[in-house]
Amino acid sequence: MFSSLKLPLALLGAFLTHIAHANPAHEAAAEYLQSVNGHAMLVYEDGKLVFERYMNGHTAEKAHLLASGTKSFSGFMAVAAQEDGLLTLDEKLSETITEWKDDAQKKDITIRQLLSLSSGINGGDNMRPPSYQQALAVAEVTGPPGTRFQYGPVPYQIFGELMRRKLVKSGKARDPLDYLQQRLFTPLGMKYEMWREDADKMPHLPSGAFFTAREWAKFGLFILNQGSWEGKQIVKPESLAECFKPAPANPAYGMTFWKAKPEDPIPDLVMAAGKGKQKLFMIPSKKLLIVQFADAERSYREEKFLSLALGDAKVSGTGVASDGDMGVEEGLGKARMEQNFTLLDKDGDGRITREEAGAYAVMLFTVDANRDGYLTREEAAVLADRMGRLRERLNPAGKK
């Protein structure tokens, strides 16, 4: 009789444990997340799971596409490879991608510049990651390193090819995913359900990973533990810290991670983030990790979610109205604006003509302040700001 009750009692115990740790702030944040088509919310405090909620048909066992949340694994890969003597962050790509040695625009680009998306290489189409070989072929330099932040899949696939060559030469692993398995996933007991591949059967580094919420959480806990897992140092804290140094062209980005700025309300917030609002929020000063899955690209408001989850009025309203004061969503917005500008600026002269704008000309040239027939980055930023303000009015921070 008692053995037949074992499973129900275990479930009851888990339920009672959840109730004991229930936090009204977490409940409110989960309710909001559910209202905007959220799928999962997990909260860890000081390494302990204190809140877990699945919604809108999602379950604990169901793996979720991380989308661009996948990108942050490349930052770990780079610093681990540096510790393993495979590379240095400031070495030139052309030392390994030797076909670039005679390319005046590419020969001096470093790995750090590539992964901080400040190399001058166009990011490419986020919806269509190229293969590693295609990424090398389409890599287009639109300016000198450190001057433009260009978000997209191309730099990550270039990094994939660089790592592939280094790993094959060293004999350490078959490909970048095999290396991640050895250096990160196996030590953490971390399991992915699927990883998309390119046409050459190489893993997509910008957007290919599928994890359950609890499995992705292990990566966040590892980051908060400064590269340590269950008492074993996987990478040195100073190595991991390289991922969070501000990018030369965007202080809201590090090396594959989004980050706050020192003057922001949550100055030590760092984040892995993907389309649909996949989020791995990490706040070291609070020893806090929040895992979020969703499909809420348009209706979700990050400042509202964080305000509710933290139970902190300082993280709401104009304090992070555009999420920009924390340097996260503003950084994403600027990245999208920069990416779109670069795609339209076909001759790379820093200006968009009506011909280059094509079907977008009518909308874009409303901000051609001096009516000279050219749109500059500064003028495009004005339009981006207007769109942000319109979004504010249509969906204020306090409204579900």
Protein backbone atom coordinates (compact mmCIF):
# COMPACT_ATOMS: atom_id res chain seq x y z
CA MET A 1 0.00 0.00 0.00
CA PHE A 2 2.67 2.48 1.02
CA SER A 3 4.80 1.68 -2.01
CA SER A 4 1.86 2.52 -4.24
CA LEU A 5 1.72 5.95 -2.59
CA LYS A 6 5.42 6.62 -3.09
CA LEU A 7 5.13 8.66 -6.31
CA PRO A 8 2.11 10.73 -5.24
CA LEU A 9 3.79 11.47 -1.90
CA ALA A 10 6.96 12.53 -3.69
CA LEU A 11 4.98 14.86 -5.89
CA LEU A 12 3.16 16.22 -2.86
CA GLY A 13 6.47 16.84 -1.15
CA ALA A 14 7.77 18.74 -4.17
CA PHE A 15 4.57 20.77 -4.26
CA LEU A 16 4.79 21.64 -0.56
CA THR A 17 8.45 22.59 -0.97
CA HIS A 18 7.47 24.91 -3.82
CA ILE A 19 4.72 26.50 -1.69
CA ALA A 20 7.12 26.98 1.21
CA HIS A 21 9.46 28.96 -1.00
CA ALA A 22 6.77 30.81 -2.92
CA ASN A 23 7.59 34.48 -3.31
CA PRO A 24 4.80 36.93 -4.23
CA ALA A 25 7.20 38.77 -6.53
CA HIS A 26 7.99 35.59 -8.42
CA GLU A 27 4.31 34.70 -8.62
CA ALA A 28 3.50 38.14 -10.04
CA ALA A 29 6.30 37.91 -12.61
CA ALA A 30 5.15 34.43 -13.66
CA GLU A 31 1.58 35.65 -14.05
CA TYR A 32 2.78 38.47 -16.27
CA LEU A 33 4.98 36.14 -18.27
CA GLN A 34 2.08 33.75 -18.81
CA SER A 35 -0.04 36.64 -20.10
CA VAL A 36 2.50 37.40 -22.87
CA ASN A 37 2.89 33.79 -24.02
CA GLY A 38 5.68 32.84 -21.67
CA HIS A 39 6.67 29.19 -21.46
CA ALA A 40 8.86 28.83 -18.38
CA MET A 41 10.25 30.76 -15.44
CA LEU A 42 12.80 29.41 -12.98
CA VAL A 43 14.45 31.37 -10.16
CA TYR A 44 17.63 30.33 -8.36
CA GLU A 45 18.86 32.14 -5.26
CA ASP A 46 22.36 31.36 -4.05
CA GLY A 47 22.38 28.27 -6.24
CA LYS A 48 19.07 26.89 -4.99
CA LEU A 49 15.93 26.53 -7.09
CA VAL A 50 13.26 28.55 -5.27
CA PHE A 51 10.65 28.98 -7.98
CA GLU A 52 9.63 26.98 -11.05
CA ARG A 53 6.65 27.53 -13.29
CA TYR A 54 5.69 26.20 -16.75
CA MET A 55 2.84 27.67 -18.74
CA ASN A 56 0.96 27.82 -22.02
CA GLY A 57 1.50 24.16 -22.80
CA HIS A 58 5.21 24.01 -21.97
CA THR A 59 6.56 21.41 -19.53
CA ALA A 60 9.72 20.78 -17.54
CA GLU A 61 10.70 17.94 -19.86
CA LYS A 62 10.20 19.88 -23.09
CA ALA A 63 13.35 21.28 -24.68
CA HIS A 64 13.16 24.83 -26.00
CA LEU A 65 15.04 26.54 -28.82
CA LEU A 66 17.46 29.03 -27.27
CA ALA A 67 17.75 30.93 -30.56
CA SER A 68 20.49 33.55 -30.04
CA GLY A 69 20.81 32.42 -26.43
CA THR A 70 23.09 29.84 -28.07
CA LYS A 71 25.64 32.56 -28.90
CA SER A 72 26.94 32.84 -25.34
CA PHE A 73 28.39 29.33 -25.45
CA SER A 74 30.92 30.68 -27.95
CA GLY A 75 32.25 33.10 -25.35
CA PHE A 76 32.90 30.23 -22.96
CA MET A 77 34.44 28.22 -25.81
CA ALA A 78 36.86 31.02 -26.61
CA VAL A 79 38.13 31.49 -23.05
CA ALA A 80 38.36 27.73 -22.48
CA ALA A 81 40.34 27.40 -25.71
CA GLN A 82 42.67 30.15 -24.54
CA GLU A 83 43.30 28.24 -21.30
CA ASP A 84 43.92 25.09 -23.34
CA GLY A 85 46.54 26.83 -25.45
CA LEU A 86 44.50 26.64 -28.64
CA LEU A 87 44.29 30.39 -29.15
CA THR A 88 44.64 33.81 -27.60
CA LEU A 89 41.74 36.23 -27.68
CA ASP A 90 43.84 38.93 -29.26
CA GLU A 91 45.40 36.81 -31.98
CA LYS A 92 44.54 37.58 -35.58
CA LEU A 93 41.96 35.43 -37.32
CA SER A 94 44.27 35.27 -40.35
CA GLU A 95 46.76 33.19 -38.37
CA THR A 96 44.26 30.32 -38.71
CA ILE A 97 42.06 31.51 -41.59
CA THR A 98 45.14 31.88 -43.73
CA GLU A 99 43.23 32.83 -46.87
CA TRP A 100 42.69 36.21 -45.21
CA LYS A 101 46.39 36.96 -44.78
CA ASP A 102 46.51 39.03 -47.95
CA ASP A 103 43.15 40.74 -47.40
CA ALA A 104 43.89 44.27 -46.22
CA GLN A 105 40.49 44.63 -44.53
CA LYS A 106 40.46 41.27 -42.72
CA LYS A 107 44.03 40.28 -41.98
CA ASP A 108 44.31 42.17 -38.66
CA ILE A 109 40.88 41.35 -37.15
CA THR A 110 41.21 39.57 -33.80
CA ILE A 111 39.12 36.86 -32.18
CA ARG A 112 38.06 39.27 -29.42
CA GLN A 113 36.86 41.81 -31.99
CA LEU A 114 34.97 39.10 -33.87
CA LEU A 115 33.09 37.79 -30.80
CA SER A 116 32.34 41.25 -29.43
CA LEU A 117 30.68 41.97 -32.81
CA SER A 118 32.99 44.95 -33.24
CA SER A 119 35.25 43.56 -35.96
CA GLY A 120 33.73 45.59 -38.79
CA ILE A 121 32.29 42.41 -40.36
CA ASN A 122 28.62 42.64 -41.30
CA GLY A 123 26.54 40.40 -39.04
CA GLY A 124 24.35 39.02 -41.83
CA ASP A 125 20.74 37.84 -41.84
CA ASN A 126 19.71 36.58 -38.39
CA MET A 127 17.07 34.31 -39.91
CA ARG A 128 19.49 32.54 -42.25
CA PRO A 129 22.76 31.50 -40.62
CA PRO A 130 25.31 30.56 -43.27
CA SER A 131 27.50 27.47 -43.06
CA TYR A 132 31.04 27.98 -41.81
CA GLN A 133 32.40 28.05 -45.35
CA GLN A 134 29.64 30.35 -46.55
CA ALA A 135 30.36 32.71 -43.65
CA LEU A 136 33.96 33.06 -44.79
CA ALA A 137 32.80 33.70 -48.34
CA VAL A 138 30.15 36.33 -47.50
CA ALA A 139 32.10 38.11 -44.74
CA GLU A 140 31.90 41.77 -45.67
CA VAL A 141 33.91 44.41 -43.85
CA THR A 142 31.92 47.64 -43.57
CA GLY A 143 34.34 49.64 -41.44
CA PRO A 144 37.46 49.42 -39.27
CA PRO A 145 37.35 47.33 -36.06
CA GLY A 146 35.85 49.02 -33.01
CA THR A 147 33.69 51.51 -34.88
CA ARG A 148 30.47 49.56 -35.57
CA PHE A 149 28.47 47.03 -33.57
CA GLN A 150 27.04 44.56 -36.07
CA TYR A 151 24.81 41.84 -34.67
CA GLY A 152 24.17 38.66 -36.61
CA PRO A 153 25.22 35.06 -37.25
CA VAL A 154 28.18 35.53 -39.60
CA PRO A 155 30.85 36.29 -36.95
CA TYR A 156 29.84 33.22 -34.93
CA GLN A 157 30.02 30.90 -37.91
CA ILE A 158 33.43 32.35 -38.77
CA PHE A 159 34.48 31.57 -35.21
CA GLY A 160 33.10 28.07 -35.72
CA GLU A 161 35.37 27.53 -38.70
CA LEU A 162 38.36 28.95 -36.84
CA MET A 163 37.71 26.56 -33.94
CA ARG A 164 37.14 23.64 -36.29
CA ARG A 165 40.54 24.15 -37.88
CA LYS A 166 42.28 24.52 -34.54
CA LEU A 167 40.59 21.46 -33.06
CA VAL A 168 41.35 19.27 -36.07
CA LYS A 169 44.99 20.35 -36.05
CA SER A 170 45.35 19.76 -32.30
CA GLY A 171 43.37 16.55 -32.24
CA LYS A 172 41.45 17.76 -29.19
CA ALA A 173 37.95 17.40 -30.63
CA ARG A 174 36.05 16.63 -33.83
CA ASP A 175 34.25 19.97 -34.02
CA PRO A 176 33.18 22.92 -31.81
CA LEU A 177 30.21 21.04 -30.33
CA ASP A 178 32.40 18.08 -29.39
CA TYR A 179 34.73 20.55 -27.67
CA LEU A 180 31.83 22.12 -25.78
CA GLN A 181 30.75 18.66 -24.73
CA GLN A 182 34.19 17.90 -23.31
CA ARG A 183 34.86 21.26 -21.67
CA LEU A 184 31.40 22.32 -20.47
CA PHE A 185 28.48 19.96 -20.87
CA THR A 186 30.07 16.79 -19.47
CA PRO A 187 31.67 18.53 -16.45
CA LEU A 188 28.34 20.21 -15.64
CA GLY A 189 26.22 17.14 -16.41
CA MET A 190 24.44 19.39 -18.90
CA LYS A 191 22.41 17.79 -21.69
CA TYR A 192 21.09 19.38 -24.86
CA GLU A 193 18.20 17.77 -26.72
CA MET A 194 19.15 18.88 -30.21
CA TRP A 195 21.63 21.15 -31.97
CA ARG A 196 21.00 22.35 -35.49
CA GLU A 197 23.72 21.82 -38.06
CA ASP A 198 24.76 23.59 -41.23
CA ALA A 199 25.00 22.03 -44.67
CA ASP A 200 28.44 20.63 -43.78
CA LYS A 201 27.13 18.99 -40.58
CA MET A 202 28.81 21.58 -38.38
CA PRO A 203 26.90 22.93 -35.34
CA HIS A 204 25.18 26.31 -35.63
CA LEU A 205 26.92 28.51 -33.07
CA PRO A 206 24.59 31.54 -33.38
CA SER A 207 21.25 29.84 -32.78
CA GLY A 208 21.23 26.05 -32.88
CA ALA A 209 20.76 24.78 -29.32
CA PHE A 210 17.70 23.21 -27.66
CA PHE A 211 17.75 22.79 -23.86
CA THR A 212 15.21 22.31 -21.11
CA ALA A 213 14.99 25.19 -18.64
CA ARG A 214 16.75 23.27 -15.86
CA GLU A 215 19.59 22.25 -18.17
CA TRP A 216 20.16 25.80 -19.44
CA ALA A 217 20.07 26.97 -15.83
CA LYS A 218 23.26 24.99 -15.18
CA PHE A 219 25.14 27.33 -17.50
CA GLY A 220 23.83 30.37 -15.62
CA LEU A 221 24.78 28.86 -12.26
CA PHE A 222 28.22 28.08 -13.64
CA ILE A 223 28.63 31.72 -14.67
CA LEU A 224 27.50 32.95 -11.24
CA ASN A 225 29.99 30.52 -9.65
CA GLN A 226 32.77 32.18 -11.68
CA GLY A 227 33.58 29.12 -13.71
CA SER A 228 33.31 26.60 -10.89
CA TRP A 229 31.00 23.58 -10.67
CA GLU A 230 30.54 21.42 -7.59
CA GLY A 231 33.89 22.50 -6.20
CA LYS A 232 35.84 22.01 -9.43
CA GLN A 233 37.19 24.98 -11.37
CA ILE A 234 36.29 24.43 -15.04
CA VAL A 235 37.79 27.73 -16.21
CA LYS A 236 39.51 30.40 -14.16
CA PRO A 237 37.40 33.36 -12.95
CA GLU A 238 39.71 35.78 -14.72
CA SER A 239 39.24 33.87 -17.97
CA LEU A 240 35.45 33.95 -17.69
CA ALA A 241 35.60 37.67 -16.87
CA GLU A 242 36.86 38.29 -20.41
CA CYS A 243 33.31 37.59 -21.61
CA PHE A 244 31.97 40.60 -19.74
CA LYS A 245 34.37 43.33 -20.77
CA PRO A 246 32.44 45.97 -22.79
CA ALA A 247 32.62 45.65 -26.55
CA PRO A 248 34.53 48.51 -28.20
CA ALA A 249 31.50 49.51 -30.29
CA ASN A 250 28.74 48.80 -27.74
CA PRO A 251 29.13 48.99 -23.93
CA ALA A 252 25.90 47.00 -23.56
CA TYR A 253 27.58 43.92 -25.05
CA GLY A 254 30.54 41.93 -23.85
CA MET A 255 31.96 38.94 -25.67
CA THR A 256 28.81 36.98 -26.61
CA PHE A 257 26.82 38.20 -23.57
CA TRP A 258 24.58 41.25 -23.10
CA LYS A 259 25.47 43.34 -20.06
CA ALA A 260 24.51 46.39 -18.05
CA LYS A 261 26.65 49.50 -17.70
CA PRO A 262 28.10 50.69 -14.35
CA GLU A 263 25.62 53.56 -14.08
CA ASP A 264 22.56 51.34 -14.63
CA PRO A 265 20.03 50.36 -11.91
CA ILE A 266 21.30 46.77 -11.95
CA PRO A 267 24.93 47.45 -12.87
CA ASP A 268 26.11 43.84 -12.71
CA LEU A 269 23.26 42.30 -14.72
CA VAL A 270 24.50 40.06 -17.52
CA MET A 271 22.35 38.06 -19.89
CA ALA A 272 22.25 35.44 -22.60
CA ALA A 273 19.29 36.27 -24.84
CA GLY A 274 17.47 34.87 -27.85
CA LYS A 275 14.58 35.67 -30.17
CA GLY A 276 11.17 35.11 -28.61
CA LYS A 277 12.55 36.34 -25.27
CA GLN A 278 14.67 33.41 -24.21
CA LYS A 279 16.57 34.90 -21.29
CA LEU A 280 19.21 33.81 -18.84
CA PHE A 281 19.34 36.72 -16.37
CA MET A 282 22.33 36.64 -14.02
CA ILE A 283 22.85 39.14 -11.20
CA PRO A 284 26.03 38.22 -9.28
CA SER A 285 25.52 40.74 -6.45
CA LYS A 286 22.19 39.10 -5.62
CA LYS A 287 23.44 35.56 -6.36
CA LEU A 288 20.35 35.44 -8.53
CA LEU A 289 19.57 33.53 -11.72
CA ILE A 290 16.30 33.77 -13.63
CA VAL A 291 15.64 31.44 -16.56
CA GLN A 292 12.92 32.48 -18.97
CA PHE A 293 11.43 30.78 -22.02
CA ALA A 294 8.77 32.48 -24.13
CA ASP A 295 7.46 33.28 -27.57
CA ALA A 296 6.67 36.91 -26.86
CA GLU A 297 8.76 39.03 -29.21
CA ARG A 298 6.26 41.89 -29.54
CA SER A 299 4.22 42.07 -26.37
CA TYR A 300 6.79 41.29 -23.68
CA ARG A 301 8.32 44.14 -21.66
CA GLU A 302 11.57 43.24 -20.01
CA GLU A 303 11.51 46.14 -17.55
CA LYS A 304 8.08 45.08 -16.30
CA PHE A 305 9.13 41.46 -15.89
CA LEU A 306 12.28 42.35 -13.96
CA SER A 307 10.43 44.89 -11.85
CA LEU A 308 7.93 42.24 -10.82
CA ALA A 309 10.47 39.45 -10.38
CA LEU A 310 12.76 41.57 -8.20
CA GLY A 311 9.90 43.26 -6.34
CA ASP A 312 11.76 46.52 -6.86
CA ALA A 313 10.01 49.70 -7.98
CA LYS A 314 13.37 51.14 -9.05
CA VAL A 315 13.42 48.71 -11.94
CA SER A 316 10.16 49.94 -13.45
CA GLY A 317 8.79 52.91 -15.33
CA THR A 318 11.21 55.44 -16.73
CA GLY A 319 14.13 53.94 -14.81
CA VAL A 320 14.34 51.29 -17.48
CA ALA A 321 11.55 52.45 -19.77
CA SER A 322 13.39 51.33 -22.88
CA ASP A 323 15.33 48.73 -20.91
CA GLY A 324 18.20 50.89 -22.07
CA ASP A 325 19.23 52.11 -18.63
CA MET A 326 20.21 48.52 -17.96
CA GLY A 327 21.91 48.40 -21.30
CA VAL A 328 20.11 45.28 -22.50
CA GLU A 329 17.09 46.00 -24.68
CA GLU A 330 18.51 49.35 -25.74
CA GLY A 331 21.60 47.47 -26.83
CA LEU A 332 19.45 45.07 -28.82
CA GLY A 333 17.55 47.98 -30.35
CA LYS A 334 20.73 49.76 -31.33
CA ALA A 335 22.09 46.54 -32.75
CA ARG A 336 19.02 46.08 -34.91
CA MET A 337 19.16 49.69 -36.07
CA GLU A 338 22.87 49.38 -36.89
CA GLN A 339 22.33 46.09 -38.65
CA ASN A 340 19.46 47.44 -40.75
CA PHE A 341 21.40 50.58 -41.57
CA THR A 342 24.40 48.54 -42.69
CA LEU A 343 22.27 46.27 -44.86
CA LEU A 344 20.73 49.26 -46.66
CA ASP A 345 23.99 51.20 -46.91
CA LYS A 346 25.11 49.08 -49.84
CA ASP A 347 28.19 51.13 -50.77
CA GLY A 348 29.33 51.43 -47.13
CA ASP A 349 29.75 55.21 -47.22
CA GLY A 350 27.84 55.78 -43.96
CA ARG A 351 24.79 57.23 -45.71
CA ILE A 352 21.61 55.77 -47.22
CA THR A 353 20.23 57.15 -50.45
CA ARG A 354 16.60 56.87 -51.53
CA GLU A 355 17.68 54.34 -54.10
CA GLU A 356 19.38 52.20 -51.45
CA ALA A 357 16.36 52.49 -49.15
CA GLY A 358 14.01 51.24 -51.87
CA ALA A 359 10.55 50.45 -50.49
CA TYR A 360 11.55 51.82 -47.08
CA ALA A 361 12.36 55.29 -48.39
CA VAL A 362 8.98 56.86 -47.60
CA MET A 363 9.21 55.90 -43.94
CA LEU A 364 12.93 56.44 -43.46
CA PHE A 365 13.24 59.84 -45.09
CA THR A 366 10.75 61.44 -42.70
CA VAL A 367 13.85 62.02 -40.52
CA ASP A 368 16.06 63.48 -43.25
CA ALA A 369 16.36 66.70 -41.21
CA ASN A 370 18.45 68.72 -43.65
CA ARG A 371 16.64 67.33 -46.71
CA ASP A 372 19.89 66.57 -48.47
CA GLY A 373 18.63 63.26 -49.85
CA TYR A 374 20.87 61.17 -47.59
CA LEU A 375 20.08 59.43 -44.32
CA THR A 376 22.87 59.31 -41.74
CA ARG A 377 23.18 57.02 -38.72
CA GLU A 378 22.26 59.92 -36.46
CA GLU A 379 19.05 60.51 -38.42
CA ALA A 380 18.24 56.79 -38.41
CA ALA A 381 18.71 56.79 -34.62
CA VAL A 382 16.06 59.52 -34.37
CA LEU A 383 13.60 57.28 -36.19
CA ALA A 384 14.49 54.34 -33.94
CA ASP A 385 13.86 56.55 -30.91
CA ARG A 386 10.48 57.63 -32.28
CA MET A 387 9.50 54.02 -32.79
CA GLY A 388 10.54 53.25 -29.23
CA ARG A 389 8.43 56.11 -27.86
CA LEU A 390 5.45 54.93 -29.89
CA ARG A 391 5.90 51.47 -28.42
CA GLU A 392 5.95 53.08 -24.96
CA ARG A 393 2.59 54.76 -25.54
CA LEU A 394 0.99 51.66 -27.01
CA ASN A 395 2.25 49.41 -24.25
CA PRO A 396 3.24 51.36 -21.12
CA ALA A 397 5.42 49.64 -18.55
CA GLY A 398 2.63 49.20 -16.05
CA LYS A 399 0.19 47.61 -18.48
CA LYS A 400 -0.13 43.89 -19.11
